[in-house]
Amino acid sequence: MADTPTRRAATEHRKPRLDLGNAVWQSSDQGTGDVQIAFVEGFVAMRDRRDTDGPALVFTPGEWRAFVLGARDGEFDLG
């Protein structure tokens, strides 16, 4: 296949499969959130605290920063 900008972008955004078995999960002691995060191999993993055997979302440091800044700015507020 030809190397195209779209193909390069897709390849550059792939994340490795992380072994989260030994991850140290952290929960916030503020608010009523039900998520936990762990810093693993330079990435940030996030999971549902009520379903610890369920899937985890994996963010690059840049994606995590954008998410946190958006949350602080109210980007995800429901009302």
PDB file of N, CA and C in Angstrom:
ATOM      1  N   MET A   1       0.824  -1.180   0.000  1.00  0.00           N
ATOM      2  CA  MET A   1       0.000   0.000   0.000  1.00  0.00           C
ATOM      3  C   MET A   1       0.870   1.247   0.000  1.00  0.00           C
ATOM      4  N   ALA A   2       0.362   2.263  -0.625  1.00  0.00           N
ATOM      5  CA  ALA A   2       1.094   3.528  -0.694  1.00  0.00           C
ATOM      6  C   ALA A   2       1.075   4.230   0.660  1.00  0.00           C
ATOM      7  N   ASP A   3       2.164   4.911   0.954  1.00  0.00           N
ATOM      8  CA  ASP A   3       2.265   5.681   2.189  1.00  0.00           C
ATOM      9  C   ASP A   3       1.571   7.020   1.963  1.00  0.00           C
ATOM     10  N   THR A   4       0.452   7.230   2.628  1.00  0.00           N
ATOM     11  CA  THR A   4      -0.313   8.467   2.487  1.00  0.00           C
ATOM     12  C   THR A   4      -0.366   9.170   3.844  1.00  0.00           C
ATOM     13  N   PRO A   5      -0.691  10.467   3.858  1.00  0.00           N
ATOM     14  CA  PRO A   5      -0.813  11.152   5.147  1.00  0.00           C
ATOM     15  C   PRO A   5      -1.822  10.478   6.077  1.00  0.00           C
ATOM     16  N   THR A   6      -2.933  10.012   5.524  1.00  0.00           N
ATOM     17  CA  THR A   6      -3.948   9.352   6.353  1.00  0.00           C
ATOM     18  C   THR A   6      -3.408   8.058   6.938  1.00  0.00           C
ATOM     19  N   ARG A   7      -2.712   7.295   6.112  1.00  0.00           N
ATOM     20  CA  ARG A   7      -2.142   6.031   6.588  1.00  0.00           C
ATOM     21  C   ARG A   7      -1.072   6.282   7.647  1.00  0.00           C
ATOM     22  N   ARG A   8      -0.231   7.293   7.442  1.00  0.00           N
ATOM     23  CA  ARG A   8       0.793   7.626   8.441  1.00  0.00           C
ATOM     24  C   ARG A   8       0.143   8.056   9.742  1.00  0.00           C
ATOM     25  N   ALA A   9      -0.902   8.876   9.673  1.00  0.00           N
ATOM     26  CA  ALA A   9      -1.580   9.346  10.874  1.00  0.00           C
ATOM     27  C   ALA A   9      -2.183   8.179  11.646  1.00  0.00           C
ATOM     28  N   ALA A  10      -2.782   7.237  10.935  1.00  0.00           N
ATOM     29  CA  ALA A  10      -3.363   6.069  11.600  1.00  0.00           C
ATOM     30  C   ALA A  10      -2.282   5.252  12.293  1.00  0.00           C
ATOM     31  N   THR A  11      -1.148   5.096  11.650  1.00  0.00           N
ATOM     32  CA  THR A  11      -0.046   4.337  12.238  1.00  0.00           C
ATOM     33  C   THR A  11       0.536   5.061  13.443  1.00  0.00           C
ATOM     34  N   GLU A  12       0.684   6.365  13.344  1.00  0.00           N
ATOM     35  CA  GLU A  12       1.272   7.148  14.430  1.00  0.00           C
ATOM     36  C   GLU A  12       0.387   7.169  15.674  1.00  0.00           C
ATOM     37  N   HIS A  13      -0.920   6.994  15.531  1.00  0.00           N
ATOM     38  CA  HIS A  13      -1.832   7.069  16.665  1.00  0.00           C
ATOM     39  C   HIS A  13      -2.129   5.709  17.275  1.00  0.00           C
ATOM     40  N   ARG A  14      -1.541   4.662  16.770  1.00  0.00           N
ATOM     41  CA  ARG A  14      -1.755   3.356  17.376  1.00  0.00           C
ATOM     42  C   ARG A  14      -1.077   3.311  18.729  1.00  0.00           C
ATOM     43  N   LYS A  15      -1.732   2.665  19.648  1.00  0.00           N
ATOM     44  CA  LYS A  15      -1.172   2.534  20.985  1.00  0.00           C
ATOM     45  C   LYS A  15      -0.845   1.062  21.220  1.00  0.00           C
ATOM     46  N   PRO A  16       0.209   0.812  21.968  1.00  0.00           N
ATOM     47  CA  PRO A  16       0.558  -0.584  22.225  1.00  0.00           C
ATOM     48  C   PRO A  16      -0.444  -1.221  23.178  1.00  0.00           C
ATOM     49  N   ARG A  17      -0.497  -2.530  23.142  1.00  0.00           N
ATOM     50  CA  ARG A  17      -1.284  -3.248  24.144  1.00  0.00           C
ATOM     51  C   ARG A  17      -0.472  -3.224  25.429  1.00  0.00           C
ATOM     52  N   LEU A  18      -1.008  -2.615  26.441  1.00  0.00           N
ATOM     53  CA  LEU A  18      -0.299  -2.494  27.703  1.00  0.00           C
ATOM     54  C   LEU A  18      -0.698  -3.616  28.647  1.00  0.00           C
ATOM     55  N   ASP A  19       0.257  -4.099  29.406  1.00  0.00           N
ATOM     56  CA  ASP A  19      -0.040  -5.071  30.456  1.00  0.00           C
ATOM     57  C   ASP A  19      -0.470  -4.284  31.677  1.00  0.00           C
ATOM     58  N   LEU A  20      -1.759  -4.298  31.960  1.00  0.00           N
ATOM     59  CA  LEU A  20      -2.296  -3.526  33.071  1.00  0.00           C
ATOM     60  C   LEU A  20      -2.447  -4.365  34.334  1.00  0.00           C
ATOM     61  N   GLY A  21      -1.974  -5.612  34.280  1.00  0.00           N
ATOM     62  CA  GLY A  21      -2.108  -6.519  35.416  1.00  0.00           C
ATOM     63  C   GLY A  21      -1.425  -6.030  36.676  1.00  0.00           C
ATOM     64  N   ASN A  22      -0.327  -5.320  36.542  1.00  0.00           N
ATOM     65  CA  ASN A  22       0.396  -4.822  37.711  1.00  0.00           C
ATOM     66  C   ASN A  22       0.290  -3.309  37.855  1.00  0.00           C
ATOM     67  N   ALA A  23      -0.636  -2.712  37.132  1.00  0.00           N
ATOM     68  CA  ALA A  23      -0.794  -1.256  37.184  1.00  0.00           C
ATOM     69  C   ALA A  23      -1.234  -0.824  38.582  1.00  0.00           C
ATOM     70  N   VAL A  24      -0.766   0.333  38.985  1.00  0.00           N
ATOM     71  CA  VAL A  24      -1.180   0.931  40.260  1.00  0.00           C
ATOM     72  C   VAL A  24      -2.281   1.937  39.929  1.00  0.00           C
ATOM     73  N   TRP A  25      -3.514   1.570  40.223  1.00  0.00           N
ATOM     74  CA  TRP A  25      -4.665   2.389  39.875  1.00  0.00           C
ATOM     75  C   TRP A  25      -4.922   3.417  40.959  1.00  0.00           C
ATOM     76  N   GLN A  26      -5.257   4.622  40.545  1.00  0.00           N
ATOM     77  CA  GLN A  26      -5.513   5.729  41.466  1.00  0.00           C
ATOM     78  C   GLN A  26      -6.935   6.229  41.277  1.00  0.00           C
ATOM     79  N   SER A  27      -7.570   6.529  42.397  1.00  0.00           N
ATOM     80  CA  SER A  27      -8.908   7.116  42.377  1.00  0.00           C
ATOM     81  C   SER A  27      -8.837   8.498  42.998  1.00  0.00           C
ATOM     82  N   SER A  28      -9.658   9.392  42.518  1.00  0.00           N
ATOM     83  CA  SER A  28      -9.725  10.728  43.101  1.00  0.00           C
ATOM     84  C   SER A  28     -10.467  10.658  44.421  1.00  0.00           C
ATOM     85  N   ASP A  29     -10.036  11.452  45.364  1.00  0.00           N
ATOM     86  CA  ASP A  29     -10.766  11.538  46.623  1.00  0.00           C
ATOM     87  C   ASP A  29     -11.679  12.762  46.623  1.00  0.00           C
ATOM     88  N   GLN A  30     -11.820  13.375  45.443  1.00  0.00           N
ATOM     89  CA  GLN A  30     -12.689  14.539  45.298  1.00  0.00           C
ATOM     90  C   GLN A  30     -13.839  14.186  44.371  1.00  0.00           C
ATOM     91  N   GLY A  31     -14.993  14.717  44.644  1.00  0.00           N
ATOM     92  CA  GLY A  31     -16.140  14.503  43.767  1.00  0.00           C
ATOM     93  C   GLY A  31     -16.710  13.108  43.902  1.00  0.00           C
ATOM     94  N   THR A  32     -17.518  12.747  42.913  1.00  0.00           N
ATOM     95  CA  THR A  32     -18.209  11.459  42.960  1.00  0.00           C
ATOM     96  C   THR A  32     -17.834  10.593  41.768  1.00  0.00           C
ATOM     97  N   GLY A  33     -16.695  10.829  41.175  1.00  0.00           N
ATOM     98  CA  GLY A  33     -16.293  10.090  39.988  1.00  0.00           C
ATOM     99  C   GLY A  33     -16.082   8.610  40.246  1.00  0.00           C
ATOM    100  N   ASP A  34     -16.314   7.837  39.238  1.00  0.00           N
ATOM    101  CA  ASP A  34     -16.152   6.397  39.339  1.00  0.00           C
ATOM    102  C   ASP A  34     -15.072   5.890  38.399  1.00  0.00           C
ATOM    103  N   VAL A  35     -14.069   6.701  38.111  1.00  0.00           N
ATOM    104  CA  VAL A  35     -12.982   6.260  37.242  1.00  0.00           C
ATOM    105  C   VAL A  35     -11.683   6.175  38.033  1.00  0.00           C
ATOM    106  N   GLN A  36     -10.803   5.343  37.532  1.00  0.00           N
ATOM    107  CA  GLN A  36      -9.459   5.213  38.082  1.00  0.00           C
ATOM    108  C   GLN A  36      -8.484   5.403  36.939  1.00  0.00           C
ATOM    109  N   ILE A  37      -7.292   5.901  37.268  1.00  0.00           N
ATOM    110  CA  ILE A  37      -6.257   6.037  36.252  1.00  0.00           C
ATOM    111  C   ILE A  37      -4.984   5.361  36.733  1.00  0.00           C
ATOM    112  N   ALA A  38      -4.158   4.979  35.765  1.00  0.00           N
ATOM    113  CA  ALA A  38      -2.843   4.400  36.051  1.00  0.00           C
ATOM    114  C   ALA A  38      -1.879   4.904  34.992  1.00  0.00           C
ATOM    115  N   PHE A  39      -0.650   5.165  35.397  1.00  0.00           N
ATOM    116  CA  PHE A  39       0.397   5.588  34.480  1.00  0.00           C
ATOM    117  C   PHE A  39       1.244   4.363  34.174  1.00  0.00           C
ATOM    118  N   VAL A  40       1.236   3.938  32.906  1.00  0.00           N
ATOM    119  CA  VAL A  40       1.891   2.693  32.515  1.00  0.00           C
ATOM    120  C   VAL A  40       2.696   2.920  31.235  1.00  0.00           C
ATOM    121  N   GLU A  41       3.987   2.677  31.312  1.00  0.00           N
ATOM    122  CA  GLU A  41       4.866   2.715  30.135  1.00  0.00           C
ATOM    123  C   GLU A  41       4.720   4.002  29.327  1.00  0.00           C
ATOM    124  N   GLY A  42       4.565   5.131  29.991  1.00  0.00           N
ATOM    125  CA  GLY A  42       4.462   6.408  29.296  1.00  0.00           C
ATOM    126  C   GLY A  42       3.071   6.745  28.800  1.00  0.00           C
ATOM    127  N   PHE A  43       2.101   5.928  29.106  1.00  0.00           N
ATOM    128  CA  PHE A  43       0.716   6.166  28.706  1.00  0.00           C
ATOM    129  C   PHE A  43      -0.138   6.320  29.956  1.00  0.00           C
ATOM    130  N   VAL A  44      -1.369   6.781  29.777  1.00  0.00           N
ATOM    131  CA  VAL A  44      -2.310   6.890  30.876  1.00  0.00           C
ATOM    132  C   VAL A  44      -3.488   5.980  30.552  1.00  0.00           C
ATOM    133  N   ALA A  45      -3.794   5.069  31.467  1.00  0.00           N
ATOM    134  CA  ALA A  45      -4.936   4.172  31.297  1.00  0.00           C
ATOM    135  C   ALA A  45      -6.049   4.636  32.233  1.00  0.00           C
ATOM    136  N   MET A  46      -7.291   4.515  31.787  1.00  0.00           N
ATOM    137  CA  MET A  46      -8.439   4.918  32.592  1.00  0.00           C
ATOM    138  C   MET A  46      -9.473   3.806  32.524  1.00  0.00           C
ATOM    139  N   ARG A  47     -10.031   3.466  33.688  1.00  0.00           N
ATOM    140  CA  ARG A  47     -11.050   2.406  33.737  1.00  0.00           C
ATOM    141  C   ARG A  47     -12.168   2.796  34.686  1.00  0.00           C
ATOM    142  N   ASP A  48     -13.244   2.033  34.629  1.00  0.00           N
ATOM    143  CA  ASP A  48     -14.398   2.197  35.504  1.00  0.00           C
ATOM    144  C   ASP A  48     -14.085   1.518  36.833  1.00  0.00           C
ATOM    145  N   ARG A  49     -14.133   2.263  37.921  1.00  0.00           N
ATOM    146  CA  ARG A  49     -13.832   1.723  39.243  1.00  0.00           C
ATOM    147  C   ARG A  49     -14.788   0.606  39.640  1.00  0.00           C
ATOM    148  N   ARG A  50     -16.013   0.622  39.106  1.00  0.00           N
ATOM    149  CA  ARG A  50     -17.008  -0.398  39.452  1.00  0.00           C
ATOM    150  C   ARG A  50     -16.862  -1.657  38.606  1.00  0.00           C
ATOM    151  N   ASP A  51     -16.060  -1.610  37.555  1.00  0.00           N
ATOM    152  CA  ASP A  51     -15.872  -2.762  36.661  1.00  0.00           C
ATOM    153  C   ASP A  51     -14.380  -2.916  36.371  1.00  0.00           C
ATOM    154  N   THR A  52     -13.621  -3.275  37.382  1.00  0.00           N
ATOM    155  CA  THR A  52     -12.164  -3.302  37.252  1.00  0.00           C
ATOM    156  C   THR A  52     -11.664  -4.375  36.299  1.00  0.00           C
ATOM    157  N   ASP A  53     -12.500  -5.343  35.961  1.00  0.00           N
ATOM    158  CA  ASP A  53     -12.111  -6.354  34.972  1.00  0.00           C
ATOM    159  C   ASP A  53     -12.509  -5.952  33.559  1.00  0.00           C
ATOM    160  N   GLY A  54     -13.207  -4.836  33.433  1.00  0.00           N
ATOM    161  CA  GLY A  54     -13.642  -4.360  32.126  1.00  0.00           C
ATOM    162  C   GLY A  54     -12.502  -3.693  31.366  1.00  0.00           C
ATOM    163  N   PRO A  55     -12.807  -3.154  30.210  1.00  0.00           N
ATOM    164  CA  PRO A  55     -11.768  -2.535  29.377  1.00  0.00           C
ATOM    165  C   PRO A  55     -11.267  -1.220  29.970  1.00  0.00           C
ATOM    166  N   ALA A  56     -10.092  -0.838  29.537  1.00  0.00           N
ATOM    167  CA  ALA A  56      -9.506   0.443  29.934  1.00  0.00           C
ATOM    168  C   ALA A  56      -9.249   1.253  28.677  1.00  0.00           C
ATOM    169  N   LEU A  57      -9.445   2.546  28.775  1.00  0.00           N
ATOM    170  CA  LEU A  57      -9.074   3.454  27.700  1.00  0.00           C
ATOM    171  C   LEU A  57      -7.612   3.825  27.888  1.00  0.00           C
ATOM    172  N   VAL A  58      -6.876   3.935  26.796  1.00  0.00           N
ATOM    173  CA  VAL A  58      -5.457   4.279  26.879  1.00  0.00           C
ATOM    174  C   VAL A  58      -5.227   5.580  26.130  1.00  0.00           C
ATOM    175  N   PHE A  59      -4.562   6.518  26.799  1.00  0.00           N
ATOM    176  CA  PHE A  59      -4.290   7.836  26.247  1.00  0.00           C
ATOM    177  C   PHE A  59      -2.788   8.070  26.146  1.00  0.00           C
ATOM    178  N   THR A  60      -2.373   8.769  25.100  1.00  0.00           N
ATOM    179  CA  THR A  60      -1.001   9.268  25.049  1.00  0.00           C
ATOM    180  C   THR A  60      -0.933  10.447  26.021  1.00  0.00           C
ATOM    181  N   PRO A  61       0.262  10.877  26.408  1.00  0.00           N
ATOM    182  CA  PRO A  61       0.342  12.051  27.287  1.00  0.00           C
ATOM    183  C   PRO A  61      -0.347  13.285  26.697  1.00  0.00           C
ATOM    184  N   GLY A  62      -0.238  13.507  25.406  1.00  0.00           N
ATOM    185  CA  GLY A  62      -0.894  14.647  24.764  1.00  0.00           C
ATOM    186  C   GLY A  62      -2.405  14.536  24.797  1.00  0.00           C
ATOM    187  N   GLU A  63      -2.916  13.343  24.539  1.00  0.00           N
ATOM    188  CA  GLU A  63      -4.365  13.133  24.601  1.00  0.00           C
ATOM    189  C   GLU A  63      -4.870  13.335  26.026  1.00  0.00           C
ATOM    190  N   TRP A  64      -4.126  12.831  27.007  1.00  0.00           N
ATOM    191  CA  TRP A  64      -4.538  12.970  28.405  1.00  0.00           C
ATOM    192  C   TRP A  64      -4.572  14.447  28.802  1.00  0.00           C
ATOM    193  N   ARG A  65      -3.552  15.188  28.400  1.00  0.00           N
ATOM    194  CA  ARG A  65      -3.500  16.616  28.717  1.00  0.00           C
ATOM    195  C   ARG A  65      -4.702  17.339  28.101  1.00  0.00           C
ATOM    196  N   ALA A  66      -5.021  17.041  26.852  1.00  0.00           N
ATOM    197  CA  ALA A  66      -6.167  17.672  26.198  1.00  0.00           C
ATOM    198  C   ALA A  66      -7.465  17.318  26.924  1.00  0.00           C
ATOM    199  N   PHE A  67      -7.606  16.082  27.355  1.00  0.00           N
ATOM    200  CA  PHE A  67      -8.790  15.645  28.101  1.00  0.00           C
ATOM    201  C   PHE A  67      -8.906  16.401  29.423  1.00  0.00           C
ATOM    202  N   VAL A  68      -7.825  16.447  30.181  1.00  0.00           N
ATOM    203  CA  VAL A  68      -7.849  17.126  31.484  1.00  0.00           C
ATOM    204  C   VAL A  68      -8.148  18.610  31.318  1.00  0.00           C
ATOM    205  N   LEU A  69      -7.494  19.260  30.356  1.00  0.00           N
ATOM    206  CA  LEU A  69      -7.753  20.683  30.134  1.00  0.00           C
ATOM    207  C   LEU A  69      -9.198  20.935  29.713  1.00  0.00           C
ATOM    208  N   GLY A  70      -9.736  20.051  28.869  1.00  0.00           N
ATOM    209  CA  GLY A  70     -11.137  20.175  28.460  1.00  0.00           C
ATOM    210  C   GLY A  70     -12.086  20.000  29.635  1.00  0.00           C
ATOM    211  N   ALA A  71     -11.793  19.045  30.501  1.00  0.00           N
ATOM    212  CA  ALA A  71     -12.630  18.824  31.681  1.00  0.00           C
ATOM    213  C   ALA A  71     -12.581  20.031  32.606  1.00  0.00           C
ATOM    214  N   ARG A  72     -11.399  20.562  32.805  1.00  0.00           N
ATOM    215  CA  ARG A  72     -11.260  21.756  33.669  1.00  0.00           C
ATOM    216  C   ARG A  72     -12.008  22.950  33.089  1.00  0.00           C
ATOM    217  N   ASP A  73     -12.086  23.023  31.767  1.00  0.00           N
ATOM    218  CA  ASP A  73     -12.723  24.139  31.085  1.00  0.00           C
ATOM    219  C   ASP A  73     -14.238  23.955  30.960  1.00  0.00           C
ATOM    220  N   GLY A  74     -14.763  22.805  31.433  1.00  0.00           N
ATOM    221  CA  GLY A  74     -16.207  22.563  31.370  1.00  0.00           C
ATOM    222  C   GLY A  74     -16.685  21.966  30.069  1.00  0.00           C
ATOM    223  N   GLU A  75     -15.775  21.522  29.230  1.00  0.00           N
ATOM    224  CA  GLU A  75     -16.141  20.990  27.917  1.00  0.00           C
ATOM    225  C   GLU A  75     -17.101  19.807  28.000  1.00  0.00           C
ATOM    226  N   PHE A  76     -17.066  19.050  29.070  1.00  0.00           N
ATOM    227  CA  PHE A  76     -17.886  17.840  29.182  1.00  0.00           C
ATOM    228  C   PHE A  76     -19.052  17.999  30.144  1.00  0.00           C
ATOM    229  N   ASP A  77     -19.305  19.222  30.620  1.00  0.00           N
ATOM    230  CA  ASP A  77     -20.422  19.455  31.526  1.00  0.00           C
ATOM    231  C   ASP A  77     -21.745  19.152  30.835  1.00  0.00           C
ATOM    232  N   LEU A  78     -22.670  18.575  31.544  1.00  0.00           N
ATOM    233  CA  LEU A  78     -23.948  18.185  30.949  1.00  0.00           C
ATOM    234  C   LEU A  78     -24.937  19.345  30.838  1.00  0.00           C
ATOM    235  N   GLY A  79     -24.810  20.348  31.634  1.00  0.00           N
ATOM    236  CA  GLY A  79     -25.845  21.377  31.666  1.00  0.00           C
ATOM    237  C   GLY A  79     -25.475  22.656  31.105  1.00  0.00           C
TER     238      GLY A  79
END
